[in-house]
Amino acid sequence: MSVDPAPRPIAVRPATPADAAAIAEIYRPYVEGGTVSFELTAPDAATIGTRMAASGGLYPWLVVTEGPEGPVRGYAYASAFRDRPAYRYTVETSVYLETGTQGRGNGRHLYDALIDTLRAQGFTQALSVISLPNEHSIRLHESVGFRRAGVLREVGYKEGRWVDVGLWQCELNDATLPPMEPKPFSETGMVWNW
């Protein structure tokens, strides 16, 4: 994808199945070069579409565009942290930006909208797993309220080396007793208190 040298205003919206190809293209360089992603083969648009559909209407997928009708420049999403039922109040989050569009506020806008939405849904914690070193991603996560929760040493092997991952955690809502069941994204829609 070519990057417009004079970007239009940023817009954030829910991702649709029509965005799967753009999302796959944004994600491809993270898989094919470096250790940001631990996948070894870049998923195609159909695979991304399947992943989006697998959220079952519960977890949000968002995209950032240049203007309301502009090209997709990044995406963020939430997914189940783990599959055991007791973890259902916690989500794992990810954000990826098109190469060359970092530093324009895209990541911050995506994460602000994602976190506002997850709070409205009633989730209590968001976790992000960051391959290390990755100071740019760490700064982004900490700027939106994530805090370092720990490091797992040498848990991924890619590009001929062992890679550590850091765990970052963001409290979304108080952990009440009894907990409220999270509302589906299909019910709340995107919330962005910007």
Protein backbone atom coordinates (compact mmCIF):
# COMPACT_ATOMS: atom_id res chain seq x y z
CA MET A 1 0.00 0.00 0.00
CA SER A 2 1.25 3.46 -0.76
CA VAL A 3 0.99 6.08 1.93
CA ASP A 4 -0.55 9.45 1.04
CA PRO A 5 2.02 12.16 1.94
CA ALA A 6 -0.78 14.56 2.97
CA PRO A 7 -3.05 12.48 5.24
CA ARG A 8 -6.66 13.46 5.77
CA PRO A 9 -8.23 13.68 9.23
CA ILE A 10 -8.30 10.42 11.15
CA ALA A 11 -11.55 8.47 11.50
CA VAL A 12 -12.10 5.33 13.58
CA ARG A 13 -14.96 2.94 12.85
CA PRO A 14 -15.94 -0.69 13.39
CA ALA A 15 -14.25 -3.03 10.92
CA THR A 16 -16.42 -4.82 8.37
CA PRO A 17 -15.77 -8.00 6.37
CA ALA A 18 -14.87 -5.73 3.43
CA ASP A 19 -11.84 -4.53 5.46
CA ALA A 20 -10.31 -8.03 5.72
CA ALA A 21 -8.03 -7.59 2.69
CA ALA A 22 -6.66 -4.25 3.93
CA ILE A 23 -6.14 -5.70 7.42
CA ALA A 24 -4.28 -8.69 5.96
CA GLU A 25 -1.98 -6.35 4.00
CA ILE A 26 -1.27 -4.20 7.06
CA TYR A 27 -0.47 -7.30 9.14
CA ARG A 28 1.70 -9.05 6.50
CA PRO A 29 4.98 -7.13 7.16
CA TYR A 30 4.71 -7.84 10.91
CA VAL A 31 4.59 -11.57 10.19
CA GLU A 32 7.12 -11.73 7.36
CA GLY A 33 9.82 -9.58 8.94
CA GLY A 34 10.80 -9.20 12.55
CA THR A 35 9.40 -10.61 15.76
CA VAL A 36 6.42 -8.34 16.49
CA SER A 37 4.12 -11.22 15.51
CA PHE A 38 4.90 -14.84 16.32
CA GLU A 39 2.97 -16.12 13.31
CA LEU A 40 5.24 -17.59 10.63
CA THR A 41 2.89 -17.37 7.63
CA ALA A 42 0.93 -14.19 6.94
CA PRO A 43 -2.82 -14.88 6.92
CA ASP A 44 -4.75 -13.97 3.79
CA ALA A 45 -7.96 -11.93 3.62
CA ALA A 46 -10.16 -15.03 3.99
CA THR A 47 -8.33 -16.06 7.17
CA ILE A 48 -8.63 -12.54 8.61
CA GLY A 49 -12.35 -12.60 7.74
CA THR A 50 -12.71 -15.90 9.59
CA ARG A 51 -10.94 -14.46 12.64
CA MET A 52 -13.21 -11.42 12.61
CA ALA A 53 -16.31 -13.63 12.37
CA ALA A 54 -15.00 -15.84 15.19
CA SER A 55 -15.47 -12.94 17.59
CA GLY A 56 -19.14 -13.92 17.48
CA GLY A 57 -20.28 -10.33 17.95
CA LEU A 58 -18.67 -10.19 21.41
CA TYR A 59 -15.25 -8.70 20.69
CA PRO A 60 -14.64 -5.47 18.76
CA TRP A 61 -12.53 -5.07 15.64
CA LEU A 62 -11.85 -1.42 14.74
CA VAL A 63 -10.06 0.30 11.87
CA VAL A 64 -8.53 3.75 11.52
CA THR A 65 -8.93 5.49 8.17
CA GLU A 66 -7.94 8.79 6.67
CA GLY A 67 -11.31 10.49 6.54
CA PRO A 68 -14.60 8.59 6.86
CA GLU A 69 -14.27 7.02 3.39
CA GLY A 70 -10.45 6.89 3.22
CA PRO A 71 -8.10 3.93 3.10
CA VAL A 72 -7.58 1.73 6.17
CA ARG A 73 -4.29 2.67 7.87
CA GLY A 74 -4.46 0.43 10.94
CA TYR A 75 -6.62 -1.83 13.04
CA ALA A 76 -7.12 -2.92 16.62
CA TYR A 77 -9.13 -5.72 18.12
CA ALA A 78 -9.91 -7.59 21.29
CA SER A 79 -10.13 -11.33 21.73
CA ALA A 80 -10.61 -13.84 24.51
CA PHE A 81 -7.66 -13.87 26.90
CA ARG A 82 -8.05 -17.61 27.53
CA ASP A 83 -10.82 -20.07 26.85
CA ARG A 84 -11.70 -21.04 30.43
CA PRO A 85 -15.03 -19.45 31.52
CA ALA A 86 -13.58 -17.70 34.58
CA TYR A 87 -11.45 -15.54 32.23
CA ARG A 88 -14.45 -14.16 30.30
CA TYR A 89 -14.17 -10.71 31.94
CA THR A 90 -10.63 -10.21 30.61
CA VAL A 91 -9.62 -9.54 27.00
CA GLU A 92 -6.38 -9.56 25.06
CA THR A 93 -5.84 -6.59 22.76
CA SER A 94 -3.72 -5.95 19.68
CA VAL A 95 -3.05 -2.99 17.41
CA TYR A 96 -1.24 -2.86 14.06
CA LEU A 97 -0.52 0.15 11.85
CA GLU A 98 0.30 0.34 8.18
CA THR A 99 4.03 0.75 7.67
CA GLY A 100 4.86 4.44 7.34
CA THR A 101 1.81 5.73 9.21
CA GLN A 102 3.23 5.52 12.73
CA GLY A 103 3.54 8.80 14.63
CA ARG A 104 0.33 10.31 13.25
CA GLY A 105 -1.87 9.41 16.21
CA ASN A 106 -3.43 6.38 14.51
CA GLY A 107 -2.42 3.91 17.21
CA ARG A 108 -3.54 6.20 20.01
CA HIS A 109 -6.94 6.85 18.40
CA LEU A 110 -7.48 3.14 17.79
CA TYR A 111 -6.57 2.22 21.36
CA ASP A 112 -8.64 5.04 22.88
CA ALA A 113 -11.70 3.84 20.95
CA LEU A 114 -11.02 0.19 21.74
CA ILE A 115 -10.57 0.82 25.47
CA ASP A 116 -13.65 3.08 25.68
CA THR A 117 -15.66 0.36 23.91
CA LEU A 118 -14.36 -2.45 26.14
CA ARG A 119 -15.22 -0.38 29.22
CA ALA A 120 -18.76 0.18 27.94
CA GLN A 121 -19.07 -3.55 27.34
CA GLY A 122 -18.19 -4.23 30.99
CA PHE A 123 -14.87 -6.07 30.65
CA THR A 124 -12.66 -5.64 33.72
CA GLN A 125 -9.10 -6.10 32.40
CA ALA A 126 -7.27 -5.80 29.08
CA LEU A 127 -3.95 -7.55 28.53
CA SER A 128 -1.46 -7.04 25.74
CA VAL A 129 1.48 -9.27 24.90
CA ILE A 130 4.45 -7.37 23.42
CA SER A 131 7.53 -9.03 21.97
CA LEU A 132 10.67 -7.47 23.39
CA PRO A 133 12.36 -5.18 22.72
CA ASN A 134 9.67 -2.88 21.28
CA GLU A 135 9.88 0.56 22.86
CA HIS A 136 7.44 2.13 20.37
CA SER A 137 4.68 -0.34 21.29
CA ILE A 138 5.47 -0.07 25.00
CA ARG A 139 5.14 3.75 24.85
CA LEU A 140 1.82 3.46 23.00
CA HIS A 141 0.39 0.97 25.49
CA GLU A 142 1.55 2.94 28.53
CA SER A 143 0.15 6.18 27.06
CA VAL A 144 -3.35 4.68 27.12
CA GLY A 145 -3.14 3.22 30.63
CA PHE A 146 -1.43 -0.17 30.31
CA ARG A 147 1.18 -1.04 32.94
CA ARG A 148 3.90 -3.68 32.86
CA ALA A 149 2.67 -6.86 34.52
CA GLY A 150 5.59 -9.19 33.85
CA VAL A 151 7.99 -10.73 31.37
CA LEU A 152 8.05 -14.28 29.99
CA ARG A 153 11.62 -15.15 29.03
CA GLU A 154 12.49 -16.84 25.73
CA VAL A 155 9.00 -18.10 24.95
CA GLY A 156 9.05 -17.54 21.18
CA TYR A 157 11.59 -18.64 18.59
CA LYS A 158 11.63 -16.62 15.38
CA GLU A 159 14.23 -15.18 13.02
CA GLY A 160 16.93 -17.42 14.49
CA ARG A 161 16.62 -16.24 18.08
CA TRP A 162 14.63 -16.67 21.26
CA VAL A 163 12.30 -13.77 22.03
CA ASP A 164 10.98 -12.54 25.38
CA VAL A 165 7.45 -11.18 25.66
CA GLY A 166 6.19 -8.60 28.10
CA LEU A 167 2.70 -8.59 29.54
CA TRP A 168 0.95 -5.24 29.89
CA GLN A 169 -2.32 -4.85 31.77
CA CYS A 170 -4.98 -2.13 31.78
CA GLU A 171 -7.80 -2.00 34.33
CA LEU A 172 -11.01 -1.27 32.44
CA ASN A 173 -13.65 -1.49 35.17
CA ASP A 174 -13.82 -2.37 38.85
CA ALA A 175 -14.02 -6.09 39.57
CA THR A 176 -17.42 -6.09 41.28
CA LEU A 177 -19.03 -8.96 43.16
CA PRO A 178 -20.87 -10.54 41.55
CA PRO A 179 -19.37 -9.52 38.20
CA MET A 180 -21.61 -8.26 35.42
CA GLU A 181 -21.52 -10.26 32.21
CA PRO A 182 -19.82 -8.33 29.41
CA LYS A 183 -22.19 -6.99 26.75
CA PRO A 184 -21.56 -8.02 23.15
CA PHE A 185 -19.94 -5.49 20.82
CA SER A 186 -22.88 -6.10 18.51
CA GLU A 187 -25.06 -4.56 21.26
CA THR A 188 -22.90 -1.63 22.43
CA GLY A 189 -21.27 -0.65 19.15
CA MET A 190 -18.12 1.45 19.12
CA VAL A 191 -17.77 3.98 21.94
CA TRP A 192 -15.21 6.71 21.64
CA ASN A 193 -15.05 9.44 24.28
CA TRP A 194 -12.84 11.72 22.22
